[in-house]
Amino acid sequence: MEVEVKVPRTTKEDKTGVLLSWYKNDGDSVEEGEEIAEVMIEKVTMHVKAPASGKLKILVKENEEVAQGQVIGLIVT
């Protein structure tokens, strides 16, 4: 099963930002609730937490533009 990793929503507006960094590498094991990435939207830095435990599959690379609610990775359980 695959669980989507999404950029958190901070406003109702469709704002974009940048994926600053991944704390894990593609294929690494992650635990549910663990901080796995950092994004910046409108000068606000947010940490993205793993929604489930499993293996991380990265879909968006560091320094790429992202939008609130966008899927940036998958957790393969």
PDB file of N, CA and C in Angstrom:
ATOM      1  N   MET A   1       0.837  -1.182   0.000  1.00  0.00           N
ATOM      2  CA  MET A   1       0.000   0.000   0.000  1.00  0.00           C
ATOM      3  C   MET A   1       0.877   1.240   0.000  1.00  0.00           C
ATOM      4  N   GLU A   2       0.439   2.291  -0.692  1.00  0.00           N
ATOM      5  CA  GLU A   2       1.176   3.547  -0.733  1.00  0.00           C
ATOM      6  C   GLU A   2       0.358   4.653  -0.073  1.00  0.00           C
ATOM      7  N   VAL A   3       1.011   5.414   0.808  1.00  0.00           N
ATOM      8  CA  VAL A   3       0.371   6.536   1.491  1.00  0.00           C
ATOM      9  C   VAL A   3       1.051   7.806   0.985  1.00  0.00           C
ATOM     10  N   GLU A   4       0.250   8.785   0.572  1.00  0.00           N
ATOM     11  CA  GLU A   4       0.793  10.022   0.023  1.00  0.00           C
ATOM     12  C   GLU A   4       1.383  10.924   1.104  1.00  0.00           C
ATOM     13  N   VAL A   5       2.533  11.525   0.786  1.00  0.00           N
ATOM     14  CA  VAL A   5       3.148  12.553   1.624  1.00  0.00           C
ATOM     15  C   VAL A   5       2.828  13.885   0.946  1.00  0.00           C
ATOM     16  N   LYS A   6       2.100  14.755   1.646  1.00  0.00           N
ATOM     17  CA  LYS A   6       1.659  16.020   1.053  1.00  0.00           C
ATOM     18  C   LYS A   6       2.248  17.221   1.777  1.00  0.00           C
ATOM     19  N   VAL A   7       2.381  18.314   1.023  1.00  0.00           N
ATOM     20  CA  VAL A   7       2.780  19.593   1.607  1.00  0.00           C
ATOM     21  C   VAL A   7       1.623  20.071   2.482  1.00  0.00           C
ATOM     22  N   PRO A   8       1.903  20.457   3.731  1.00  0.00           N
ATOM     23  CA  PRO A   8       0.824  20.936   4.614  1.00  0.00           C
ATOM     24  C   PRO A   8       0.145  22.185   4.057  1.00  0.00           C
ATOM     25  N   ARG A   9      -1.142  22.331   4.366  1.00  0.00           N
ATOM     26  CA  ARG A   9      -1.902  23.531   3.986  1.00  0.00           C
ATOM     27  C   ARG A   9      -1.874  24.491   5.174  1.00  0.00           C
ATOM     28  N   THR A  10      -1.509  25.750   4.901  1.00  0.00           N
ATOM     29  CA  THR A  10      -1.481  26.761   5.962  1.00  0.00           C
ATOM     30  C   THR A  10      -2.542  27.827   5.747  1.00  0.00           C
ATOM     31  N   THR A  11      -2.997  27.950   4.496  1.00  0.00           N
ATOM     32  CA  THR A  11      -4.047  28.936   4.179  1.00  0.00           C
ATOM     33  C   THR A  11      -5.045  28.291   3.225  1.00  0.00           C
ATOM     34  N   LYS A  12      -6.177  28.949   3.046  1.00  0.00           N
ATOM     35  CA  LYS A  12      -7.175  28.453   2.097  1.00  0.00           C
ATOM     36  C   LYS A  12      -6.790  28.818   0.665  1.00  0.00           C
ATOM     37  N   GLU A  13      -5.904  29.790   0.523  1.00  0.00           N
ATOM     38  CA  GLU A  13      -5.452  30.212  -0.803  1.00  0.00           C
ATOM     39  C   GLU A  13      -4.459  29.195  -1.356  1.00  0.00           C
ATOM     40  N   ASP A  14      -4.337  29.150  -2.679  1.00  0.00           N
ATOM     41  CA  ASP A  14      -3.381  28.245  -3.309  1.00  0.00           C
ATOM     42  C   ASP A  14      -2.024  28.925  -3.412  1.00  0.00           C
ATOM     43  N   LYS A  15      -1.215  28.749  -2.408  1.00  0.00           N
ATOM     44  CA  LYS A  15       0.115  29.346  -2.366  1.00  0.00           C
ATOM     45  C   LYS A  15       1.154  28.314  -2.801  1.00  0.00           C
ATOM     46  N   THR A  16       2.241  28.812  -3.391  1.00  0.00           N
ATOM     47  CA  THR A  16       3.339  27.930  -3.766  1.00  0.00           C
ATOM     48  C   THR A  16       4.578  28.292  -2.968  1.00  0.00           C
ATOM     49  N   GLY A  17       5.532  27.371  -2.971  1.00  0.00           N
ATOM     50  CA  GLY A  17       6.773  27.574  -2.246  1.00  0.00           C
ATOM     51  C   GLY A  17       7.841  26.656  -2.802  1.00  0.00           C
ATOM     52  N   VAL A  18       8.802  26.308  -1.950  1.00  0.00           N
ATOM     53  CA  VAL A  18       9.945  25.507  -2.368  1.00  0.00           C
ATOM     54  C   VAL A  18      10.166  24.369  -1.377  1.00  0.00           C
ATOM     55  N   LEU A  19      10.491  23.197  -1.907  1.00  0.00           N
ATOM     56  CA  LEU A  19      10.899  22.076  -1.052  1.00  0.00           C
ATOM     57  C   LEU A  19      12.368  22.326  -0.700  1.00  0.00           C
ATOM     58  N   LEU A  20      12.642  22.684   0.546  1.00  0.00           N
ATOM     59  CA  LEU A  20      14.004  23.031   0.950  1.00  0.00           C
ATOM     60  C   LEU A  20      14.908  21.821   1.075  1.00  0.00           C
ATOM     61  N   SER A  21      14.427  20.800   1.790  1.00  0.00           N
ATOM     62  CA  SER A  21      15.287  19.624   1.972  1.00  0.00           C
ATOM     63  C   SER A  21      14.500  18.407   2.419  1.00  0.00           C
ATOM     64  N   TRP A  22      15.045  17.263   2.075  1.00  0.00           N
ATOM     65  CA  TRP A  22      14.576  15.975   2.592  1.00  0.00           C
ATOM     66  C   TRP A  22      15.521  15.571   3.710  1.00  0.00           C
ATOM     67  N   TYR A  23      14.980  15.092   4.812  1.00  0.00           N
ATOM     68  CA  TYR A  23      15.813  14.614   5.920  1.00  0.00           C
ATOM     69  C   TYR A  23      16.182  13.154   5.722  1.00  0.00           C
ATOM     70  N   LYS A  24      15.503  12.493   4.794  1.00  0.00           N
ATOM     71  CA  LYS A  24      15.750  11.081   4.484  1.00  0.00           C
ATOM     72  C   LYS A  24      16.037  10.952   2.996  1.00  0.00           C
ATOM     73  N   ASN A  25      16.619   9.829   2.619  1.00  0.00           N
ATOM     74  CA  ASN A  25      16.896   9.552   1.211  1.00  0.00           C
ATOM     75  C   ASN A  25      15.825   8.641   0.638  1.00  0.00           C
ATOM     76  N   ASP A  26      15.725   8.623  -0.694  1.00  0.00           N
ATOM     77  CA  ASP A  26      14.794   7.739  -1.377  1.00  0.00           C
ATOM     78  C   ASP A  26      15.090   6.294  -0.968  1.00  0.00           C
ATOM     79  N   GLY A  27      14.063   5.573  -0.530  1.00  0.00           N
ATOM     80  CA  GLY A  27      14.224   4.180  -0.120  1.00  0.00           C
ATOM     81  C   GLY A  27      14.487   3.976   1.362  1.00  0.00           C
ATOM     82  N   ASP A  28      14.725   5.080   2.107  1.00  0.00           N
ATOM     83  CA  ASP A  28      14.967   4.958   3.548  1.00  0.00           C
ATOM     84  C   ASP A  28      13.681   4.576   4.280  1.00  0.00           C
ATOM     85  N   SER A  29      13.838   3.910   5.405  1.00  0.00           N
ATOM     86  CA  SER A  29      12.703   3.599   6.277  1.00  0.00           C
ATOM     87  C   SER A  29      12.353   4.837   7.101  1.00  0.00           C
ATOM     88  N   VAL A  30      11.051   5.078   7.279  1.00  0.00           N
ATOM     89  CA  VAL A  30      10.584   6.190   8.094  1.00  0.00           C
ATOM     90  C   VAL A  30       9.519   5.684   9.057  1.00  0.00           C
ATOM     91  N   GLU A  31       9.357   6.409  10.150  1.00  0.00           N
ATOM     92  CA  GLU A  31       8.342   6.066  11.149  1.00  0.00           C
ATOM     93  C   GLU A  31       7.217   7.098  11.079  1.00  0.00           C
ATOM     94  N   GLU A  32       6.003   6.672  11.317  1.00  0.00           N
ATOM     95  CA  GLU A  32       4.861   7.576  11.318  1.00  0.00           C
ATOM     96  C   GLU A  32       5.098   8.720  12.296  1.00  0.00           C
ATOM     97  N   GLY A  33       4.862   9.956  11.860  1.00  0.00           N
ATOM     98  CA  GLY A  33       5.040  11.135  12.710  1.00  0.00           C
ATOM     99  C   GLY A  33       6.436  11.723  12.679  1.00  0.00           C
ATOM    100  N   GLU A  34       7.385  11.025  12.062  1.00  0.00           N
ATOM    101  CA  GLU A  34       8.763  11.501  11.967  1.00  0.00           C
ATOM    102  C   GLU A  34       8.852  12.633  10.943  1.00  0.00           C
ATOM    103  N   GLU A  35       9.621  13.689  11.262  1.00  0.00           N
ATOM    104  CA  GLU A  35       9.824  14.772  10.309  1.00  0.00           C
ATOM    105  C   GLU A  35      10.730  14.270   9.197  1.00  0.00           C
ATOM    106  N   ILE A  36      10.260  14.398   7.948  1.00  0.00           N
ATOM    107  CA  ILE A  36      11.029  13.840   6.830  1.00  0.00           C
ATOM    108  C   ILE A  36      11.416  14.883   5.782  1.00  0.00           C
ATOM    109  N   ALA A  37      10.805  16.073   5.823  1.00  0.00           N
ATOM    110  CA  ALA A  37      11.127  17.105   4.837  1.00  0.00           C
ATOM    111  C   ALA A  37      10.831  18.488   5.394  1.00  0.00           C
ATOM    112  N   GLU A  38      11.367  19.492   4.693  1.00  0.00           N
ATOM    113  CA  GLU A  38      11.158  20.884   5.083  1.00  0.00           C
ATOM    114  C   GLU A  38      10.762  21.672   3.833  1.00  0.00           C
ATOM    115  N   VAL A  39       9.676  22.430   3.936  1.00  0.00           N
ATOM    116  CA  VAL A  39       9.221  23.271   2.825  1.00  0.00           C
ATOM    117  C   VAL A  39       9.063  24.708   3.305  1.00  0.00           C
ATOM    118  N   MET A  40       9.185  25.649   2.367  1.00  0.00           N
ATOM    119  CA  MET A  40       8.963  27.053   2.695  1.00  0.00           C
ATOM    120  C   MET A  40       7.893  27.597   1.756  1.00  0.00           C
ATOM    121  N   ILE A  41       6.829  28.125   2.355  1.00  0.00           N
ATOM    122  CA  ILE A  41       5.762  28.763   1.593  1.00  0.00           C
ATOM    123  C   ILE A  41       5.542  30.151   2.182  1.00  0.00           C
ATOM    124  N   GLU A  42       5.703  31.184   1.350  1.00  0.00           N
ATOM    125  CA  GLU A  42       5.534  32.570   1.781  1.00  0.00           C
ATOM    126  C   GLU A  42       6.384  32.909   3.010  1.00  0.00           C
ATOM    127  N   LYS A  43       7.631  32.579   2.977  1.00  0.00           N
ATOM    128  CA  LYS A  43       8.606  32.873   4.035  1.00  0.00           C
ATOM    129  C   LYS A  43       8.320  32.135   5.344  1.00  0.00           C
ATOM    130  N   VAL A  44       7.436  31.151   5.300  1.00  0.00           N
ATOM    131  CA  VAL A  44       7.146  30.324   6.478  1.00  0.00           C
ATOM    132  C   VAL A  44       7.699  28.925   6.221  1.00  0.00           C
ATOM    133  N   THR A  45       8.582  28.483   7.114  1.00  0.00           N
ATOM    134  CA  THR A  45       9.162  27.149   6.978  1.00  0.00           C
ATOM    135  C   THR A  45       8.316  26.149   7.750  1.00  0.00           C
ATOM    136  N   MET A  46       7.995  25.037   7.095  1.00  0.00           N
ATOM    137  CA  MET A  46       7.182  23.991   7.717  1.00  0.00           C
ATOM    138  C   MET A  46       7.882  22.647   7.590  1.00  0.00           C
ATOM    139  N   HIS A  47       7.670  21.806   8.580  1.00  0.00           N
ATOM    140  CA  HIS A  47       8.203  20.458   8.547  1.00  0.00           C
ATOM    141  C   HIS A  47       7.101  19.510   8.093  1.00  0.00           C
ATOM    142  N   VAL A  48       7.457  18.604   7.209  1.00  0.00           N
ATOM    143  CA  VAL A  48       6.516  17.601   6.714  1.00  0.00           C
ATOM    144  C   VAL A  48       6.776  16.309   7.484  1.00  0.00           C
ATOM    145  N   LYS A  49       5.720  15.753   8.057  1.00  0.00           N
ATOM    146  CA  LYS A  49       5.849  14.526   8.839  1.00  0.00           C
ATOM    147  C   LYS A  49       5.352  13.326   8.042  1.00  0.00           C
ATOM    148  N   ALA A  50       5.941  12.180   8.307  1.00  0.00           N
ATOM    149  CA  ALA A  50       5.524  10.953   7.640  1.00  0.00           C
ATOM    150  C   ALA A  50       4.122  10.567   8.108  1.00  0.00           C
ATOM    151  N   PRO A  51       3.192  10.348   7.170  1.00  0.00           N
ATOM    152  CA  PRO A  51       1.827   9.978   7.544  1.00  0.00           C
ATOM    153  C   PRO A  51       1.683   8.499   7.914  1.00  0.00           C
ATOM    154  N   ALA A  52       2.748   7.723   7.680  1.00  0.00           N
ATOM    155  CA  ALA A  52       2.717   6.288   7.973  1.00  0.00           C
ATOM    156  C   ALA A  52       4.152   5.800   8.086  1.00  0.00           C
ATOM    157  N   SER A  53       4.320   4.584   8.573  1.00  0.00           N
ATOM    158  CA  SER A  53       5.640   3.960   8.641  1.00  0.00           C
ATOM    159  C   SER A  53       5.853   3.116   7.394  1.00  0.00           C
ATOM    160  N   GLY A  54       7.083   3.112   6.895  1.00  0.00           N
ATOM    161  CA  GLY A  54       7.404   2.311   5.718  1.00  0.00           C
ATOM    162  C   GLY A  54       8.629   2.863   5.016  1.00  0.00           C
ATOM    163  N   LYS A  55       8.722   2.599   3.718  1.00  0.00           N
ATOM    164  CA  LYS A  55       9.855   3.062   2.907  1.00  0.00           C
ATOM    165  C   LYS A  55       9.448   4.316   2.130  1.00  0.00           C
ATOM    166  N   LEU A  56      10.327   5.322   2.148  1.00  0.00           N
ATOM    167  CA  LEU A  56      10.064   6.595   1.490  1.00  0.00           C
ATOM    168  C   LEU A  56      10.387   6.524   0.002  1.00  0.00           C
ATOM    169  N   LYS A  57       9.467   7.005  -0.815  1.00  0.00           N
ATOM    170  CA  LYS A  57       9.684   7.156  -2.258  1.00  0.00           C
ATOM    171  C   LYS A  57       9.529   8.635  -2.569  1.00  0.00           C
ATOM    172  N   ILE A  58      10.633   9.299  -2.914  1.00  0.00           N
ATOM    173  CA  ILE A  58      10.642  10.737  -3.168  1.00  0.00           C
ATOM    174  C   ILE A  58      10.166  11.014  -4.596  1.00  0.00           C
ATOM    175  N   LEU A  59       9.190  11.928  -4.728  1.00  0.00           N
ATOM    176  CA  LEU A  59       8.656  12.300  -6.037  1.00  0.00           C
ATOM    177  C   LEU A  59       9.100  13.688  -6.483  1.00  0.00           C
ATOM    178  N   VAL A  60       9.383  14.578  -5.516  1.00  0.00           N
ATOM    179  CA  VAL A  60       9.799  15.949  -5.820  1.00  0.00           C
ATOM    180  C   VAL A  60      11.182  16.172  -5.224  1.00  0.00           C
ATOM    181  N   LYS A  61      12.084  16.707  -6.034  1.00  0.00           N
ATOM    182  CA  LYS A  61      13.457  16.929  -5.581  1.00  0.00           C
ATOM    183  C   LYS A  61      13.585  18.234  -4.799  1.00  0.00           C
ATOM    184  N   GLU A  62      14.671  18.347  -4.050  1.00  0.00           N
ATOM    185  CA  GLU A  62      14.963  19.559  -3.299  1.00  0.00           C
ATOM    186  C   GLU A  62      15.083  20.748  -4.255  1.00  0.00           C
ATOM    187  N   ASN A  63      14.663  21.914  -3.766  1.00  0.00           N
ATOM    188  CA  ASN A  63      14.703  23.189  -4.487  1.00  0.00           C
ATOM    189  C   ASN A  63      13.684  23.291  -5.620  1.00  0.00           C
ATOM    190  N   GLU A  64      12.770  22.319  -5.726  1.00  0.00           N
ATOM    191  CA  GLU A  64      11.711  22.409  -6.725  1.00  0.00           C
ATOM    192  C   GLU A  64      10.507  23.129  -6.127  1.00  0.00           C
ATOM    193  N   GLU A  65       9.722  23.772  -6.989  1.00  0.00           N
ATOM    194  CA  GLU A  65       8.524  24.486  -6.549  1.00  0.00           C
ATOM    195  C   GLU A  65       7.445  23.481  -6.154  1.00  0.00           C
ATOM    196  N   VAL A  66       6.751  23.792  -5.056  1.00  0.00           N
ATOM    197  CA  VAL A  66       5.654  22.946  -4.583  1.00  0.00           C
ATOM    198  C   VAL A  66       4.457  23.826  -4.229  1.00  0.00           C
ATOM    199  N   ALA A  67       3.291  23.207  -4.195  1.00  0.00           N
ATOM    200  CA  ALA A  67       2.066  23.904  -3.809  1.00  0.00           C
ATOM    201  C   ALA A  67       1.490  23.244  -2.568  1.00  0.00           C
ATOM    202  N   GLN A  68       0.702  24.003  -1.815  1.00  0.00           N
ATOM    203  CA  GLN A  68       0.047  23.433  -0.641  1.00  0.00           C
ATOM    204  C   GLN A  68      -0.830  22.255  -1.075  1.00  0.00           C
ATOM    205  N   GLY A  69      -0.739  21.168  -0.342  1.00  0.00           N
ATOM    206  CA  GLY A  69      -1.538  19.992  -0.643  1.00  0.00           C
ATOM    207  C   GLY A  69      -0.950  19.093  -1.715  1.00  0.00           C
ATOM    208  N   GLN A  70       0.163  19.508  -2.334  1.00  0.00           N
ATOM    209  CA  GLN A  70       0.789  18.709  -3.391  1.00  0.00           C
ATOM    210  C   GLN A  70       1.429  17.445  -2.809  1.00  0.00           C
ATOM    211  N   VAL A  71       1.334  16.353  -3.555  1.00  0.00           N
ATOM    212  CA  VAL A  71       1.992  15.102  -3.169  1.00  0.00           C
ATOM    213  C   VAL A  71       3.468  15.226  -3.542  1.00  0.00           C
ATOM    214  N   ILE A  72       4.347  15.081  -2.529  1.00  0.00           N
ATOM    215  CA  ILE A  72       5.790  15.199  -2.791  1.00  0.00           C
ATOM    216  C   ILE A  72       6.533  13.885  -2.613  1.00  0.00           C
ATOM    217  N   GLY A  73       5.826  12.896  -2.063  1.00  0.00           N
ATOM    218  CA  GLY A  73       6.441  11.591  -1.866  1.00  0.00           C
ATOM    219  C   GLY A  73       5.388  10.552  -1.513  1.00  0.00           C
ATOM    220  N   LEU A  74       5.842   9.326  -1.411  1.00  0.00           N
ATOM    221  CA  LEU A  74       4.975   8.217  -1.026  1.00  0.00           C
ATOM    222  C   LEU A  74       5.652   7.412   0.062  1.00  0.00           C
ATOM    223  N   ILE A  75       4.864   6.833   0.940  1.00  0.00           N
ATOM    224  CA  ILE A  75       5.362   5.872   1.931  1.00  0.00           C
ATOM    225  C   ILE A  75       4.811   4.512   1.517  1.00  0.00           C
ATOM    226  N   VAL A  76       5.692   3.597   1.194  1.00  0.00           N
ATOM    227  CA  VAL A  76       5.277   2.250   0.819  1.00  0.00           C
ATOM    228  C   VAL A  76       5.264   1.403   2.086  1.00  0.00           C
ATOM    229  N   THR A  77       4.062   0.965   2.474  1.00  0.00           N
ATOM    230  CA  THR A  77       3.921   0.212   3.728  1.00  0.00           C
ATOM    231  C   THR A  77       3.935  -1.275   3.479  1.00  0.00           C
TER     232      THR A  77
END
